[in-house]
N, C-alpha and C. Protein backbone atom coordinates (compact mmCIF):
# COMPACT_ATOMS: atom_id res chain seq x y z
N UNK A 1 0.95 -1.32 0.32
CA UNK A 1 0.31 0.00 0.29
C UNK A 1 0.80 1.46 0.10
N UNK A 2 1.84 1.15 0.80
CA UNK A 2 2.70 2.02 0.84
C UNK A 2 4.46 2.57 -0.14
N UNK A 3 4.73 2.77 -0.13
CA UNK A 3 5.90 2.73 -0.95
C UNK A 3 7.19 2.69 0.14
N UNK A 4 7.98 1.67 -0.49
CA UNK A 4 9.53 1.24 0.61
C UNK A 4 10.00 2.18 1.57
N UNK A 5 10.27 2.93 1.01
CA UNK A 5 10.70 4.38 1.81
C UNK A 5 9.69 5.08 2.77
N UNK A 6 8.66 4.78 3.02
CA UNK A 6 7.46 5.44 3.42
C UNK A 6 7.56 5.08 5.07
N UNK A 7 7.73 6.26 6.14
CA UNK A 7 7.66 5.64 7.54
C UNK A 7 6.22 4.73 7.71
N UNK A 8 5.70 4.63 6.79
CA UNK A 8 4.50 3.84 7.13
C UNK A 8 3.52 2.74 6.36
N UNK A 9 5.22 1.90 5.95
CA UNK A 9 4.96 0.94 5.22
C UNK A 9 5.08 -0.32 6.49
N UNK A 10 4.90 -0.17 7.48
CA UNK A 10 4.71 -1.19 8.02
C UNK A 10 3.48 -1.90 9.06
N UNK A 11 2.99 -0.41 8.81
CA UNK A 11 1.70 -0.50 9.95
C UNK A 11 0.50 -1.36 9.24
N UNK A 12 0.01 -1.86 9.96
CA UNK A 12 -1.07 -2.54 9.77
C UNK A 12 -2.36 -2.11 9.60
N UNK A 13 -3.31 -2.39 8.86
CA UNK A 13 -4.29 -2.09 8.48
C UNK A 13 -5.46 -2.60 9.26
N UNK A 14 -6.57 -2.11 9.16
CA UNK A 14 -7.76 -2.64 10.12
C UNK A 14 -8.89 -2.23 9.24
N UNK A 15 -10.27 -2.86 9.57
CA UNK A 15 -11.77 -2.49 9.03
C UNK A 15 -12.31 -1.76 10.21
N UNK A 16 -13.14 -0.60 9.36
CA UNK A 16 -14.14 -0.60 10.49
C UNK A 16 -15.47 -0.84 9.96
N UNK A 17 -16.39 -1.17 10.59
CA UNK A 17 -18.06 -1.33 10.10
C UNK A 17 -18.91 -0.14 10.27
N UNK A 18 -19.48 0.67 9.31
CA UNK A 18 -19.87 1.43 9.40
C UNK A 18 -21.49 1.11 10.03
N UNK A 19 -22.25 2.14 10.29
CA UNK A 19 -23.54 1.53 10.88
C UNK A 19 -24.54 1.15 9.99
N UNK A 20 -24.31 1.85 8.49
CA UNK A 20 -24.91 1.39 7.33
C UNK A 20 -24.24 0.19 6.65
N UNK A 21 -23.19 -0.64 7.33
CA UNK A 21 -22.67 -2.17 7.18
C UNK A 21 -21.83 -1.71 6.15
N UNK A 22 -21.07 -0.74 5.68
CA UNK A 22 -19.90 -0.52 4.81
C UNK A 22 -19.14 -0.64 5.50
N UNK A 23 -17.97 -1.80 4.75
CA UNK A 23 -16.55 -1.73 5.50
C UNK A 23 -15.73 -0.62 5.00
N UNK A 24 -14.92 -0.11 6.07
CA UNK A 24 -13.86 0.86 5.44
C UNK A 24 -12.42 0.31 6.17
N UNK A 25 -11.52 0.39 4.96
CA UNK A 25 -9.88 -0.17 5.47
C UNK A 25 -9.73 1.24 5.94
N UNK A 26 -8.83 1.11 6.96
CA UNK A 26 -7.64 2.12 7.06
C UNK A 26 -6.53 1.62 7.88
N UNK A 27 -5.39 2.76 7.77
CA UNK A 27 -4.19 2.38 8.62
C UNK A 27 -4.19 2.53 9.99
N UNK A 28 -3.81 1.63 10.67
CA UNK A 28 -3.50 2.10 11.92
C UNK A 28 -2.25 3.10 12.41
N UNK A 29 -2.62 3.78 13.41
CA UNK A 29 -1.75 4.96 14.13
C UNK A 29 -0.32 4.45 14.59
N UNK A 30 0.74 5.27 14.12
CA UNK A 30 1.51 5.12 14.02
C UNK A 30 2.41 5.88 15.23
N UNK A 31 3.02 5.40 16.18
CA UNK A 31 3.71 6.51 17.57
C UNK A 31 5.35 6.85 17.26
N UNK A 32 5.44 7.80 17.40
CA UNK A 32 6.94 8.00 17.23
C UNK A 32 7.82 6.92 18.13
N UNK A 33 8.86 6.46 17.76
CA UNK A 33 9.68 5.60 18.22
C UNK A 33 10.80 6.41 19.75
N UNK A 34 10.74 5.40 20.72
CA UNK A 34 11.54 6.46 21.95
C UNK A 34 13.28 6.45 21.08
N UNK A 35 13.68 7.62 21.36
CA UNK A 35 15.02 7.69 20.59
C UNK A 35 15.81 6.66 21.14
N UNK A 36 15.93 6.22 22.37
CA UNK A 36 16.67 4.83 23.17
C UNK A 36 16.69 3.92 22.52
N UNK A 37 15.41 3.62 21.32
CA UNK A 37 15.49 2.41 20.64
C UNK A 37 16.38 2.89 19.36
N UNK A 38 17.03 4.24 19.02
CA UNK A 38 17.31 4.46 17.78
C UNK A 38 18.65 4.25 17.82
N UNK A 39 19.29 3.56 16.50
CA UNK A 39 20.70 3.72 16.52
C UNK A 39 21.60 5.13 15.73
N UNK A 40 22.49 5.84 16.89
CA UNK A 40 22.77 7.37 16.31
C UNK A 40 23.90 6.70 15.61
N UNK A 41 23.57 7.68 14.49
CA UNK A 41 24.48 7.58 13.51
C UNK A 41 25.30 9.05 13.17
N UNK A 42 25.28 10.02 14.08
CA UNK A 42 25.84 11.27 14.02
C UNK A 42 24.65 12.16 14.10
N UNK A 43 25.10 13.56 13.91
CA UNK A 43 24.88 14.62 13.67
C UNK A 43 24.12 15.62 12.61
N UNK A 44 23.39 16.66 12.45
CA UNK A 44 23.35 17.59 11.88
C UNK A 44 23.21 19.13 12.17
N UNK A 45 23.90 20.00 11.72
CA UNK A 45 23.73 21.20 11.95
C UNK A 45 23.15 22.12 11.19
N UNK A 46 21.86 22.28 11.45
CA UNK A 46 20.70 23.30 10.88
C UNK A 46 21.05 24.79 10.50
N UNK A 47 21.20 24.43 8.69
CA UNK A 47 21.69 26.13 8.22
C UNK A 47 20.70 27.05 8.13
N UNK A 48 20.53 27.98 7.50
CA UNK A 48 19.26 29.48 7.48
C UNK A 48 18.49 28.86 5.98
N UNK A 49 19.33 27.96 5.26
CA UNK A 49 18.66 27.12 4.25
C UNK A 49 18.42 25.89 3.92
N UNK A 50 18.33 25.60 5.33
CA UNK A 50 17.98 23.74 5.44
C UNK A 50 16.69 23.90 5.01
N UNK A 51 15.87 22.42 4.47
CA UNK A 51 14.73 21.75 4.68
C UNK A 51 15.29 20.22 5.17
N UNK A 52 14.50 20.05 5.76
CA UNK A 52 14.46 18.29 6.09
C UNK A 52 14.82 17.30 5.19
N UNK A 53 14.11 17.50 4.40
CA UNK A 53 14.73 16.55 3.02
C UNK A 53 16.05 16.68 2.55
N UNK A 54 16.50 18.16 2.53
CA UNK A 54 18.06 18.62 2.22
C UNK A 54 18.87 17.67 3.28
N UNK A 55 18.88 17.45 4.85
CA UNK A 55 19.24 17.01 5.65
C UNK A 55 19.41 15.67 5.80
N UNK A 56 18.30 14.89 5.57
CA UNK A 56 18.02 13.70 5.07
C UNK A 56 18.92 13.20 3.85
N UNK A 57 18.90 13.98 2.89
CA UNK A 57 19.93 14.19 1.90
C UNK A 57 21.46 13.58 2.11
N UNK A 58 21.91 14.09 2.85
CA UNK A 58 22.85 13.95 3.20
C UNK A 58 23.26 13.88 4.38
N UNK A 59 22.70 13.48 4.80
CA UNK A 59 23.18 12.37 6.26
C UNK A 59 22.90 11.07 5.77
N UNK A 60 21.92 11.10 5.56
CA UNK A 60 21.21 9.09 5.36
C UNK A 60 21.39 9.23 3.57
N UNK A 61 21.59 9.87 2.86
CA UNK A 61 21.39 9.25 1.82
C UNK A 61 20.29 9.39 1.04
N UNK A 62 18.98 9.78 1.24
CA UNK A 62 18.26 9.77 0.84
C UNK A 62 17.13 10.67 1.57
N UNK A 63 16.56 11.67 0.48
CA UNK A 63 15.79 12.66 0.82
C UNK A 63 14.12 12.03 1.78
N UNK A 64 13.76 11.09 0.80
CA UNK A 64 12.62 10.41 1.43
C UNK A 64 12.67 10.10 2.82
N UNK A 65 14.18 9.95 3.39
CA UNK A 65 14.04 9.71 4.81
C UNK A 65 14.04 10.63 5.83
N UNK A 66 13.54 11.80 5.25
CA UNK A 66 13.55 12.96 6.31
C UNK A 66 12.59 12.37 7.43
N UNK A 67 11.55 11.67 7.81
CA UNK A 67 10.95 11.26 8.84
C UNK A 67 11.73 10.82 9.95
N UNK A 68 12.87 10.00 9.31
CA UNK A 68 13.87 9.48 10.32
C UNK A 68 14.57 10.76 11.20
N UNK A 69 14.88 11.26 10.14
CA UNK A 69 15.46 12.74 11.08
C UNK A 69 14.12 13.12 12.18
N UNK A 70 12.90 13.16 11.81
CA UNK A 70 12.27 13.55 12.96
C UNK A 70 11.89 12.86 14.04
N UNK A 71 11.87 11.36 13.91
CA UNK A 71 11.75 10.61 14.90
C UNK A 71 13.43 10.44 15.31
N UNK A 72 14.26 10.45 15.23
CA UNK A 72 15.09 10.39 16.11
C UNK A 72 14.98 12.02 17.03
N UNK A 73 14.53 12.69 16.26
CA UNK A 73 14.19 13.98 17.38
C UNK A 73 13.44 14.48 18.09
N UNK A 74 12.07 13.60 17.93
CA UNK A 74 11.40 13.75 18.43
C UNK A 74 10.00 14.64 18.06
N UNK A 75 9.91 14.85 16.79
CA UNK A 75 9.50 15.81 15.97
C UNK A 75 7.76 15.57 15.48
N UNK A 76 6.88 15.80 15.70
CA UNK A 76 5.74 15.37 15.19
C UNK A 76 5.49 16.51 14.31
N UNK A 77 6.16 17.58 13.68
CA UNK A 77 5.83 18.25 12.75
C UNK A 77 7.68 18.48 12.44
N UNK A 78 8.01 17.84 11.49
CA UNK A 78 8.89 18.28 10.83
C UNK A 78 9.63 19.81 10.71
N UNK A 79 8.79 20.50 10.55
CA UNK A 79 9.58 22.13 10.06
C UNK A 79 9.59 22.49 11.72
N UNK A 80 9.38 22.10 12.87
CA UNK A 80 9.81 22.28 14.38
C UNK A 80 11.44 22.34 14.17
N UNK A 81 12.36 21.45 13.57
CA UNK A 81 13.45 20.87 13.50
C UNK A 81 14.04 21.95 13.25
N UNK A 82 14.04 23.15 11.74
CA UNK A 82 14.61 24.09 11.41
C UNK A 82 14.91 25.10 12.24
N UNK A 83 14.39 25.54 12.85
CA UNK A 83 14.75 26.30 13.82
C UNK A 83 15.23 26.28 15.12
N UNK A 84 16.32 26.93 15.42
CA UNK A 84 16.74 28.13 15.23
C UNK A 84 18.00 27.51 14.13
N UNK A 85 18.61 28.19 13.51
CA UNK A 85 19.60 27.77 12.58
C UNK A 85 21.09 27.69 13.44
N UNK A 86 21.74 26.71 13.64
CA UNK A 86 22.81 26.42 14.80
C UNK A 86 22.28 25.06 15.17
N UNK A 87 21.09 24.79 14.94
CA UNK A 87 20.50 23.62 15.95
C UNK A 87 21.25 22.49 15.73
N UNK A 88 21.41 21.58 16.65
CA UNK A 88 21.91 20.20 16.45
C UNK A 88 20.93 19.33 16.57
N UNK A 89 20.95 18.56 15.38
CA UNK A 89 19.79 17.12 15.46
C UNK A 89 20.64 16.01 15.10
N UNK A 90 19.77 15.08 16.11
CA UNK A 90 20.45 14.15 16.09
C UNK A 90 20.12 12.96 14.72
N UNK A 91 20.81 12.47 14.37
CA UNK A 91 20.54 11.36 13.07
C UNK A 91 20.73 9.97 13.41
N UNK A 92 19.63 9.29 13.08
CA UNK A 92 19.41 7.96 13.56
C UNK A 92 19.32 7.27 12.98
N UNK A 93 19.43 6.03 12.96
CA UNK A 93 18.81 4.49 11.99
C UNK A 93 17.54 4.07 12.73
N UNK A 94 16.56 4.15 12.15
CA UNK A 94 15.32 3.05 12.63
C UNK A 94 15.57 1.84 13.34
N UNK A 95 14.54 1.57 13.98
CA UNK A 95 14.29 0.44 15.12
C UNK A 95 14.68 -0.69 14.15
N UNK A 96 15.06 -1.78 14.46
CA UNK A 96 15.26 -2.80 13.57
C UNK A 96 13.66 -3.21 13.46
N UNK A 97 13.64 -3.32 11.83
CA UNK A 97 12.37 -4.11 11.85
C UNK A 97 10.94 -3.08 11.27
N UNK A 98 11.49 -1.57 11.36
CA UNK A 98 10.52 -0.44 11.25
C UNK A 98 11.18 0.34 10.06
C-alpha cells in the first residue's frame, strides 16, 4: 500500500464497519519511536537555508528519509526542527524491522 521508503510501510491495516454496514479500511496509528531504541549515526547542524529533505539527503543518503530525522528528534511536525539555525539534530537509524 505504501512506498518502501515510507514511514507507514509496516503499519497494519484494519477495517471499520459503519452503521450502514459498509466496511471502511484504514491504516492503524503510527507512534513515534523512543529515541533510546534508535541507533545514533551522527548529527547535523541546521543552516538558514536547510530543509529536512536536504538534511536527510546529506546524512542518510535519501531525501525521502526526512522522517527518520524527525523521529530521532521526537518531532511531530518536522518543520519544528529547522529553527533556530545552528541547532544540532540527532541522525539515527530506525528501530530494527521498522
